[in-house]
Amino acid sequence: MNFYKELELIIEAKEPKEKFDRFYTFYNVFQKEEIIFEEFFVPKKFDVPSYMDICTVVPPQKVPKRSNLTSKEGQINLLHAVVHIEYSAIDLALDAAYRFVNMPYKYYRDWLEVAEDEIRHFLMLEKLLHDLSSSYGSVAVHNALFEASQKTQTLLERMAVVPRYLEANGLDATPMILKKLQKLPKDKMKEKIIDNLKIILEEEIEHVKKGDIWFKYACEQEGVDENIYFDIIAKYYPRGFLRPNDLNIDARREAGFSCLELKVMAKREVC
């Protein structure tokens, strides 16, 4: 089985079941180290996300608000938003393995491990959507994560933007969602959502850490200082770090961020 070509087919699969079935077949071969890395492979740039036939895509400001989390509609909107993040993250992890050729074997193992985690997260949350008589594609979504992958076509920028900025922002946002949920009246679905989000939060730390490792690798390969991170983020996200007062300091430090970096993000001494 060819590594890059099969990954291309998995990324482009239009239905979750097809994507996941193809991935597990591919991943089994990869783990047995029976995969063939094609020489001189040139990755393609994807024009549209794989979920285009499933979801209605709208600007971010038009995605339904995640309000009234005691209602069925509010819970569906919240779950769907996270499900969409997880589905997008599957393709982002696969694309990280697909797009950057001639990397160390551990690099590919890391991002395929992330893809497997994201598939599991998606399936966990999709089950809760089904329990609410809903499904992936029932709520409008935005393309922000896919657009980030389109813009970042070098290893250095991809590792800075996707795991070390976008996914790291999730380490800050998820605890805030959990606090909001925990203040609400007891409800079986609410408790299931909390349990799932806690699992995802814990496992996402490792994903950001993998991004941190390969960001630093890219810096070393290109002979640039790691502080270039802030220049890259300023290039793509001029508003910078949106939650300076709510940084998850412990999770970010575990994921590889230095105290100096966190001081710059928080604009104060934090560790």
C-alpha atoms as a PDB file:
ATOM      1  CA  MET A   1       0.000   0.000   0.000  1.00  0.00           C
ATOM      2  CA  ASN A   2       1.348   3.445  -0.979  1.00  0.00           C
ATOM      3  CA  PHE A   3       1.547   5.890   1.928  1.00  0.00           C
ATOM      4  CA  TYR A   4       0.849   9.282   0.360  1.00  0.00           C
ATOM      5  CA  LYS A   5      -1.637   8.215  -2.303  1.00  0.00           C
ATOM      6  CA  GLU A   6      -3.733   6.276   0.192  1.00  0.00           C
ATOM      7  CA  LEU A   7      -3.721   9.225   2.601  1.00  0.00           C
ATOM      8  CA  GLU A   8      -4.913  11.435  -0.247  1.00  0.00           C
ATOM      9  CA  LEU A   9      -7.862   9.103  -0.846  1.00  0.00           C
ATOM     10  CA  ILE A  10      -8.685   9.007   2.875  1.00  0.00           C
ATOM     11  CA  ILE A  11      -8.634  12.803   3.164  1.00  0.00           C
ATOM     12  CA  GLU A  12     -10.873  13.181   0.112  1.00  0.00           C
ATOM     13  CA  ALA A  13     -13.404  10.559   1.258  1.00  0.00           C
ATOM     14  CA  LYS A  14     -16.762  12.326   1.421  1.00  0.00           C
ATOM     15  CA  GLU A  15     -18.497  10.178   4.052  1.00  0.00           C
ATOM     16  CA  PRO A  16     -17.252   9.576   7.616  1.00  0.00           C
ATOM     17  CA  LYS A  17     -17.722   5.789   7.433  1.00  0.00           C
ATOM     18  CA  GLU A  18     -15.713   5.508   4.221  1.00  0.00           C
ATOM     19  CA  LYS A  19     -13.000   7.785   5.647  1.00  0.00           C
ATOM     20  CA  PHE A  20     -12.731   5.811   8.876  1.00  0.00           C
ATOM     21  CA  ASP A  21     -12.835   2.369   7.232  1.00  0.00           C
ATOM     22  CA  ARG A  22     -10.095   3.359   4.806  1.00  0.00           C
ATOM     23  CA  PHE A  23      -8.063   4.905   7.596  1.00  0.00           C
ATOM     24  CA  TYR A  24      -8.117   1.821   9.837  1.00  0.00           C
ATOM     25  CA  THR A  25      -7.150  -0.450   6.939  1.00  0.00           C
ATOM     26  CA  PHE A  26      -4.290   1.911   6.074  1.00  0.00           C
ATOM     27  CA  TYR A  27      -3.243   2.376   9.705  1.00  0.00           C
ATOM     28  CA  ASN A  28      -3.054  -1.356  10.269  1.00  0.00           C
ATOM     29  CA  VAL A  29      -0.616  -1.686   7.356  1.00  0.00           C
ATOM     30  CA  PHE A  30       1.368   1.320   8.606  1.00  0.00           C
ATOM     31  CA  GLN A  31       1.697  -0.151  12.104  1.00  0.00           C
ATOM     32  CA  LYS A  32       3.021  -3.384  10.633  1.00  0.00           C
ATOM     33  CA  GLU A  33       5.642  -1.243   8.813  1.00  0.00           C
ATOM     34  CA  GLU A  34       4.517  -2.688   5.486  1.00  0.00           C
ATOM     35  CA  ILE A  35       3.741   0.691   3.943  1.00  0.00           C
ATOM     36  CA  ILE A  36       5.535   2.077   0.870  1.00  0.00           C
ATOM     37  CA  PHE A  37       6.628   5.724   0.951  1.00  0.00           C
ATOM     38  CA  GLU A  38       6.554   6.871  -2.677  1.00  0.00           C
ATOM     39  CA  GLU A  39       9.648   8.679  -3.910  1.00  0.00           C
ATOM     40  CA  PHE A  40       9.250  12.130  -5.471  1.00  0.00           C
ATOM     41  CA  PHE A  41       5.607  12.372  -4.421  1.00  0.00           C
ATOM     42  CA  VAL A  42       4.070  15.844  -4.888  1.00  0.00           C
ATOM     43  CA  PRO A  43       1.070  16.480  -2.587  1.00  0.00           C
ATOM     44  CA  LYS A  44      -1.957  18.245  -4.000  1.00  0.00           C
ATOM     45  CA  LYS A  45      -3.588  21.299  -2.474  1.00  0.00           C
ATOM     46  CA  PHE A  46      -7.192  20.514  -1.597  1.00  0.00           C
ATOM     47  CA  ASP A  47      -9.696  23.056  -2.894  1.00  0.00           C
ATOM     48  CA  VAL A  48     -12.647  22.120  -0.686  1.00  0.00           C
ATOM     49  CA  PRO A  49     -13.016  20.309   2.647  1.00  0.00           C
ATOM     50  CA  SER A  50     -14.152  16.684   2.630  1.00  0.00           C
ATOM     51  CA  TYR A  51     -17.336  17.558   4.538  1.00  0.00           C
ATOM     52  CA  MET A  52     -18.736  19.820   1.790  1.00  0.00           C
ATOM     53  CA  ASP A  53     -21.393  17.282   0.776  1.00  0.00           C
ATOM     54  CA  ILE A  54     -22.425  16.701   4.411  1.00  0.00           C
ATOM     55  CA  CYS A  55     -22.528  20.182   5.930  1.00  0.00           C
ATOM     56  CA  THR A  56     -23.911  23.587   5.075  1.00  0.00           C
ATOM     57  CA  VAL A  57     -20.994  26.017   5.265  1.00  0.00           C
ATOM     58  CA  VAL A  58     -21.606  29.609   6.424  1.00  0.00           C
ATOM     59  CA  PRO A  59     -19.421  32.475   7.707  1.00  0.00           C
ATOM     60  CA  PRO A  60     -18.342  31.957  11.347  1.00  0.00           C
ATOM     61  CA  GLN A  61     -20.675  34.675  12.638  1.00  0.00           C
ATOM     62  CA  LYS A  62     -23.682  32.855  11.160  1.00  0.00           C
ATOM     63  CA  VAL A  63     -23.073  29.523  12.891  1.00  0.00           C
ATOM     64  CA  PRO A  64     -25.908  28.948  15.422  1.00  0.00           C
ATOM     65  CA  LYS A  65     -25.031  30.162  18.915  1.00  0.00           C
ATOM     66  CA  ARG A  66     -24.394  27.646  21.669  1.00  0.00           C
ATOM     67  CA  SER A  67     -26.873  29.151  24.122  1.00  0.00           C
ATOM     68  CA  ASN A  68     -29.400  27.669  26.581  1.00  0.00           C
ATOM     69  CA  LEU A  69     -27.486  24.451  27.192  1.00  0.00           C
ATOM     70  CA  THR A  70     -30.371  23.065  29.251  1.00  0.00           C
ATOM     71  CA  SER A  71     -32.440  22.772  26.065  1.00  0.00           C
ATOM     72  CA  LYS A  72     -32.158  20.013  23.465  1.00  0.00           C
ATOM     73  CA  GLU A  73     -31.429  22.568  20.732  1.00  0.00           C
ATOM     74  CA  GLY A  74     -28.679  24.202  22.782  1.00  0.00           C
ATOM     75  CA  GLN A  75     -27.049  20.855  23.519  1.00  0.00           C
ATOM     76  CA  ILE A  76     -27.208  19.869  19.845  1.00  0.00           C
ATOM     77  CA  ASN A  77     -25.597  23.160  18.802  1.00  0.00           C
ATOM     78  CA  LEU A  78     -22.795  22.710  21.333  1.00  0.00           C
ATOM     79  CA  LEU A  79     -22.171  19.070  20.443  1.00  0.00           C
ATOM     80  CA  HIS A  80     -22.296  19.773  16.728  1.00  0.00           C
ATOM     81  CA  ALA A  81     -19.762  22.583  17.034  1.00  0.00           C
ATOM     82  CA  VAL A  82     -17.310  20.267  18.810  1.00  0.00           C
ATOM     83  CA  VAL A  83     -18.080  17.355  16.470  1.00  0.00           C
ATOM     84  CA  HIS A  84     -17.223  19.606  13.530  1.00  0.00           C
ATOM     85  CA  ILE A  85     -13.953  20.635  15.161  1.00  0.00           C
ATOM     86  CA  GLU A  86     -13.084  16.964  15.652  1.00  0.00           C
ATOM     87  CA  TYR A  87     -13.990  16.038  12.074  1.00  0.00           C
ATOM     88  CA  SER A  88     -11.906  18.925  10.750  1.00  0.00           C
ATOM     89  CA  ALA A  89      -9.074  17.872  13.068  1.00  0.00           C
ATOM     90  CA  ILE A  90      -9.089  14.376  11.549  1.00  0.00           C
ATOM     91  CA  ASP A  91      -8.325  15.803   8.122  1.00  0.00           C
ATOM     92  CA  LEU A  92      -5.798  18.262   9.575  1.00  0.00           C
ATOM     93  CA  ALA A  93      -3.861  15.418  11.214  1.00  0.00           C
ATOM     94  CA  LEU A  94      -4.026  13.319   8.053  1.00  0.00           C
ATOM     95  CA  ASP A  95      -2.920  16.307   5.975  1.00  0.00           C
ATOM     96  CA  ALA A  96       0.043  16.895   8.299  1.00  0.00           C
ATOM     97  CA  ALA A  97       1.201  13.351   7.478  1.00  0.00           C
ATOM     98  CA  TYR A  98       0.344  13.673   3.780  1.00  0.00           C
ATOM     99  CA  ARG A  99       1.708  17.123   2.956  1.00  0.00           C
ATOM    100  CA  PHE A 100       5.209  17.053   4.380  1.00  0.00           C
ATOM    101  CA  VAL A 101       7.329  14.411   2.682  1.00  0.00           C
ATOM    102  CA  ASN A 102      10.685  12.917   3.655  1.00  0.00           C
ATOM    103  CA  MET A 103      10.144  13.441   7.365  1.00  0.00           C
ATOM    104  CA  PRO A 104      11.350  11.110  10.137  1.00  0.00           C
ATOM    105  CA  TYR A 105       9.181   8.010  10.581  1.00  0.00           C
ATOM    106  CA  LYS A 106       8.194   9.196  14.084  1.00  0.00           C
ATOM    107  CA  TYR A 107       6.635  12.290  12.532  1.00  0.00           C
ATOM    108  CA  TYR A 108       4.186  10.200  10.530  1.00  0.00           C
ATOM    109  CA  ARG A 109       3.490   7.933  13.495  1.00  0.00           C
ATOM    110  CA  ASP A 110       2.689  10.966  15.666  1.00  0.00           C
ATOM    111  CA  TRP A 111       0.148  12.484  13.274  1.00  0.00           C
ATOM    112  CA  LEU A 112      -1.540   9.196  12.478  1.00  0.00           C
ATOM    113  CA  GLU A 113      -1.915   8.642  16.236  1.00  0.00           C
ATOM    114  CA  VAL A 114      -3.543  12.069  16.432  1.00  0.00           C
ATOM    115  CA  ALA A 115      -5.877  11.198  13.544  1.00  0.00           C
ATOM    116  CA  GLU A 116      -6.924   8.002  15.320  1.00  0.00           C
ATOM    117  CA  ASP A 117      -7.664   9.969  18.514  1.00  0.00           C
ATOM    118  CA  GLU A 118      -9.713  12.530  16.586  1.00  0.00           C
ATOM    119  CA  ILE A 119     -11.763   9.784  14.928  1.00  0.00           C
ATOM    120  CA  ARG A 120     -12.517   8.321  18.347  1.00  0.00           C
ATOM    121  CA  HIS A 121     -13.487  11.765  19.678  1.00  0.00           C
ATOM    122  CA  PHE A 122     -15.764  12.317  16.697  1.00  0.00           C
ATOM    123  CA  LEU A 123     -17.507   8.974  17.218  1.00  0.00           C
ATOM    124  CA  MET A 124     -17.961   9.616  20.962  1.00  0.00           C
ATOM    125  CA  LEU A 125     -19.668  12.928  20.340  1.00  0.00           C
ATOM    126  CA  GLU A 126     -21.586  11.759  17.282  1.00  0.00           C
ATOM    127  CA  LYS A 127     -23.203   9.091  19.485  1.00  0.00           C
ATOM    128  CA  LEU A 128     -24.463  11.829  21.811  1.00  0.00           C
ATOM    129  CA  LEU A 129     -25.848  13.699  18.811  1.00  0.00           C
ATOM    130  CA  HIS A 130     -27.678  10.534  17.774  1.00  0.00           C
ATOM    131  CA  ASP A 131     -29.036  10.214  21.314  1.00  0.00           C
ATOM    132  CA  LEU A 132     -30.534  13.680  20.784  1.00  0.00           C
ATOM    133  CA  SER A 133     -32.056  12.553  17.443  1.00  0.00           C
ATOM    134  CA  SER A 134     -29.506  14.607  15.509  1.00  0.00           C
ATOM    135  CA  SER A 135     -26.444  13.901  13.371  1.00  0.00           C
ATOM    136  CA  TYR A 136     -23.345  15.496  11.878  1.00  0.00           C
ATOM    137  CA  GLY A 137     -24.463  17.917   9.183  1.00  0.00           C
ATOM    138  CA  SER A 138     -27.681  18.956  10.919  1.00  0.00           C
ATOM    139  CA  VAL A 139     -26.252  22.353  11.958  1.00  0.00           C
ATOM    140  CA  ALA A 140     -24.432  24.901   9.783  1.00  0.00           C
ATOM    141  CA  VAL A 141     -20.635  25.023  10.161  1.00  0.00           C
ATOM    142  CA  HIS A 142     -17.730  27.268   9.171  1.00  0.00           C
ATOM    143  CA  ASN A 143     -14.509  26.553   7.281  1.00  0.00           C
ATOM    144  CA  ALA A 144     -11.982  28.207   9.623  1.00  0.00           C
ATOM    145  CA  LEU A 145      -9.881  25.109  10.302  1.00  0.00           C
ATOM    146  CA  PHE A 146      -9.825  24.027   6.671  1.00  0.00           C
ATOM    147  CA  GLU A 147      -8.827  27.537   5.619  1.00  0.00           C
ATOM    148  CA  ALA A 148      -5.955  27.426   8.124  1.00  0.00           C
ATOM    149  CA  SER A 149      -4.667  24.266   6.467  1.00  0.00           C
ATOM    150  CA  GLN A 150      -4.907  25.892   3.025  1.00  0.00           C
ATOM    151  CA  LYS A 151      -2.885  28.904   4.141  1.00  0.00           C
ATOM    152  CA  THR A 152      -0.101  27.008   5.932  1.00  0.00           C
ATOM    153  CA  GLN A 153       1.800  25.040   3.330  1.00  0.00           C
ATOM    154  CA  THR A 154       5.171  24.828   5.103  1.00  0.00           C
ATOM    155  CA  LEU A 155       5.922  22.594   8.067  1.00  0.00           C
ATOM    156  CA  LEU A 156       7.008  25.559  10.196  1.00  0.00           C
ATOM    157  CA  GLU A 157       3.799  27.519   9.660  1.00  0.00           C
ATOM    158  CA  ARG A 158       1.530  24.468   9.891  1.00  0.00           C
ATOM    159  CA  MET A 159       2.930  23.372  13.256  1.00  0.00           C
ATOM    160  CA  ALA A 160       2.793  26.935  14.594  1.00  0.00           C
ATOM    161  CA  VAL A 161      -0.769  27.630  13.478  1.00  0.00           C
ATOM    162  CA  VAL A 162      -2.676  24.357  13.791  1.00  0.00           C
ATOM    163  CA  PRO A 163      -1.491  22.556  16.938  1.00  0.00           C
ATOM    164  CA  ARG A 164       0.285  25.451  18.676  1.00  0.00           C
ATOM    165  CA  TYR A 165      -2.396  28.075  18.095  1.00  0.00           C
ATOM    166  CA  LEU A 166      -5.769  26.672  17.056  1.00  0.00           C
ATOM    167  CA  GLU A 167      -5.658  23.424  18.996  1.00  0.00           C
ATOM    168  CA  ALA A 168      -3.955  25.096  21.952  1.00  0.00           C
ATOM    169  CA  ASN A 169      -6.830  27.594  22.038  1.00  0.00           C
ATOM    170  CA  GLY A 170      -9.067  24.600  22.682  1.00  0.00           C
ATOM    171  CA  LEU A 171      -7.089  23.902  25.849  1.00  0.00           C
ATOM    172  CA  ASP A 172      -8.275  27.318  27.059  1.00  0.00           C
ATOM    173  CA  ALA A 173     -11.842  27.173  25.736  1.00  0.00           C
ATOM    174  CA  THR A 174     -12.852  23.698  26.917  1.00  0.00           C
ATOM    175  CA  PRO A 175     -12.444  24.420  30.657  1.00  0.00           C
ATOM    176  CA  MET A 176     -14.652  27.488  30.194  1.00  0.00           C
ATOM    177  CA  ILE A 177     -17.350  25.363  28.558  1.00  0.00           C
ATOM    178  CA  LEU A 178     -17.031  22.789  31.335  1.00  0.00           C
ATOM    179  CA  LYS A 179     -17.485  25.467  34.013  1.00  0.00           C
ATOM    180  CA  LYS A 180     -20.597  26.730  32.277  1.00  0.00           C
ATOM    181  CA  LEU A 181     -22.046  23.225  32.022  1.00  0.00           C
ATOM    182  CA  GLN A 182     -21.224  22.344  35.627  1.00  0.00           C
ATOM    183  CA  LYS A 183     -23.242  25.318  36.886  1.00  0.00           C
ATOM    184  CA  LEU A 184     -26.400  24.080  35.152  1.00  0.00           C
ATOM    185  CA  PRO A 185     -29.059  21.866  36.759  1.00  0.00           C
ATOM    186  CA  LYS A 186     -28.382  18.126  36.749  1.00  0.00           C
ATOM    187  CA  ASP A 187     -29.191  16.418  33.491  1.00  0.00           C
ATOM    188  CA  LYS A 188     -28.079  13.023  32.099  1.00  0.00           C
ATOM    189  CA  MET A 189     -27.079  14.395  28.699  1.00  0.00           C
ATOM    190  CA  LYS A 190     -25.228  17.302  30.285  1.00  0.00           C
ATOM    191  CA  GLU A 191     -23.207  14.849  32.399  1.00  0.00           C
ATOM    192  CA  LYS A 192     -22.358  12.774  29.319  1.00  0.00           C
ATOM    193  CA  ILE A 193     -21.197  15.884  27.482  1.00  0.00           C
ATOM    194  CA  ILE A 194     -19.018  16.867  30.456  1.00  0.00           C
ATOM    195  CA  ASP A 195     -17.453  13.397  30.636  1.00  0.00           C
ATOM    196  CA  ASN A 196     -16.663  13.425  26.919  1.00  0.00           C
ATOM    197  CA  LEU A 197     -15.198  16.927  26.964  1.00  0.00           C
ATOM    198  CA  LYS A 198     -12.927  16.005  29.884  1.00  0.00           C
ATOM    199  CA  ILE A 199     -11.544  13.037  27.935  1.00  0.00           C
ATOM    200  CA  ILE A 200     -10.968  15.189  24.872  1.00  0.00           C
ATOM    201  CA  LEU A 201      -9.294  17.980  26.869  1.00  0.00           C
ATOM    202  CA  GLU A 202      -6.826  15.550  28.452  1.00  0.00           C
ATOM    203  CA  GLU A 203      -5.932  13.905  25.155  1.00  0.00           C
ATOM    204  CA  GLU A 204      -5.657  17.163  23.222  1.00  0.00           C
ATOM    205  CA  ILE A 205      -2.719  18.175  25.442  1.00  0.00           C
ATOM    206  CA  GLU A 206      -0.701  15.404  23.826  1.00  0.00           C
ATOM    207  CA  HIS A 207      -1.713  16.594  20.361  1.00  0.00           C
ATOM    208  CA  VAL A 208      -0.461  20.112  21.083  1.00  0.00           C
ATOM    209  CA  LYS A 209       2.718  18.602  22.524  1.00  0.00           C
ATOM    210  CA  LYS A 210       3.345  16.709  19.286  1.00  0.00           C
ATOM    211  CA  GLY A 211       2.886  19.982  17.416  1.00  0.00           C
ATOM    212  CA  ASP A 212       5.349  21.647  19.778  1.00  0.00           C
ATOM    213  CA  ILE A 213       7.976  18.966  19.121  1.00  0.00           C
ATOM    214  CA  TRP A 214       7.685  19.249  15.347  1.00  0.00           C
ATOM    215  CA  PHE A 215       7.494  23.055  15.411  1.00  0.00           C
ATOM    216  CA  LYS A 216      10.836  23.085  17.199  1.00  0.00           C
ATOM    217  CA  TYR A 217      12.159  20.532  14.712  1.00  0.00           C
ATOM    218  CA  ALA A 218      11.089  22.806  11.832  1.00  0.00           C
ATOM    219  CA  CYS A 219      12.777  25.805  13.502  1.00  0.00           C
ATOM    220  CA  GLU A 220      15.998  23.825  13.791  1.00  0.00           C
ATOM    221  CA  GLN A 221      15.789  22.641  10.180  1.00  0.00           C
ATOM    222  CA  GLU A 222      15.244  26.181   8.894  1.00  0.00           C
ATOM    223  CA  GLY A 223      17.768  27.744  11.252  1.00  0.00           C
ATOM    224  CA  VAL A 224      15.303  30.179  12.818  1.00  0.00           C
ATOM    225  CA  ASP A 225      14.652  31.159  16.421  1.00  0.00           C
ATOM    226  CA  GLU A 226      11.585  29.641  18.069  1.00  0.00           C
ATOM    227  CA  ASN A 227      10.296  33.150  18.775  1.00  0.00           C
ATOM    228  CA  ILE A 228       9.313  33.262  15.090  1.00  0.00           C
ATOM    229  CA  TYR A 229       6.140  31.650  16.421  1.00  0.00           C
ATOM    230  CA  PHE A 230       4.754  35.052  17.375  1.00  0.00           C
ATOM    231  CA  ASP A 231       5.544  36.491  13.936  1.00  0.00           C
ATOM    232  CA  ILE A 232       3.690  33.610  12.264  1.00  0.00           C
ATOM    233  CA  ILE A 233       0.641  34.008  14.498  1.00  0.00           C
ATOM    234  CA  ALA A 234       0.607  37.777  13.920  1.00  0.00           C
ATOM    235  CA  LYS A 235       0.693  37.133  10.159  1.00  0.00           C
ATOM    236  CA  TYR A 236      -2.435  34.969  10.176  1.00  0.00           C
ATOM    237  CA  TYR A 237      -4.223  36.159  13.330  1.00  0.00           C
ATOM    238  CA  PRO A 238      -3.597  39.895  13.821  1.00  0.00           C
ATOM    239  CA  ARG A 239      -5.912  39.931  16.839  1.00  0.00           C
ATOM    240  CA  GLY A 240      -3.436  37.619  18.550  1.00  0.00           C
ATOM    241  CA  PHE A 241      -4.349  35.532  21.565  1.00  0.00           C
ATOM    242  CA  LEU A 242      -8.028  36.038  22.250  1.00  0.00           C
ATOM    243  CA  ARG A 243      -8.198  34.803  25.858  1.00  0.00           C
ATOM    244  CA  PRO A 244      -5.122  36.216  27.650  1.00  0.00           C
ATOM    245  CA  ASN A 245      -6.934  36.078  30.988  1.00  0.00           C
ATOM    246  CA  ASP A 246      -8.127  32.504  30.521  1.00  0.00           C
ATOM    247  CA  LEU A 247      -4.990  30.701  29.396  1.00  0.00           C
ATOM    248  CA  ASN A 248      -4.861  27.119  30.648  1.00  0.00           C
ATOM    249  CA  ILE A 249      -1.344  27.585  31.988  1.00  0.00           C
ATOM    250  CA  ASP A 250      -0.877  24.056  33.346  1.00  0.00           C
ATOM    251  CA  ALA A 251      -2.107  22.367  30.151  1.00  0.00           C
ATOM    252  CA  ARG A 252      -0.068  24.651  27.910  1.00  0.00           C
ATOM    253  CA  ARG A 253       3.097  24.076  29.939  1.00  0.00           C
ATOM    254  CA  GLU A 254       2.531  20.319  29.782  1.00  0.00           C
ATOM    255  CA  ALA A 255       2.144  20.701  26.009  1.00  0.00           C
ATOM    256  CA  GLY A 256       5.526  22.423  25.684  1.00  0.00           C
ATOM    257  CA  PHE A 257       4.912  26.172  25.937  1.00  0.00           C
ATOM    258  CA  SER A 258       7.621  28.010  27.863  1.00  0.00           C
ATOM    259  CA  CYS A 259       6.940  30.449  30.689  1.00  0.00           C
ATOM    260  CA  LEU A 260       8.333  33.224  28.486  1.00  0.00           C
ATOM    261  CA  GLU A 261       5.859  32.394  25.720  1.00  0.00           C
ATOM    262  CA  LEU A 262       2.979  32.268  28.181  1.00  0.00           C
ATOM    263  CA  LYS A 263       4.033  35.611  29.648  1.00  0.00           C
ATOM    264  CA  VAL A 264       3.845  37.176  26.174  1.00  0.00           C
ATOM    265  CA  MET A 265       0.412  35.611  25.513  1.00  0.00           C
ATOM    266  CA  ALA A 266      -1.045  36.550  28.898  1.00  0.00           C
ATOM    267  CA  LYS A 267       0.711  39.948  29.050  1.00  0.00           C
ATOM    268  CA  ARG A 268       1.616  39.232  32.660  1.00  0.00           C
ATOM    269  CA  GLU A 269       3.745  36.912  34.805  1.00  0.00           C
ATOM    270  CA  VAL A 270       2.002  33.538  34.915  1.00  0.00           C
ATOM    271  CA  CYS A 271       4.664  31.015  35.943  1.00  0.00           C
END
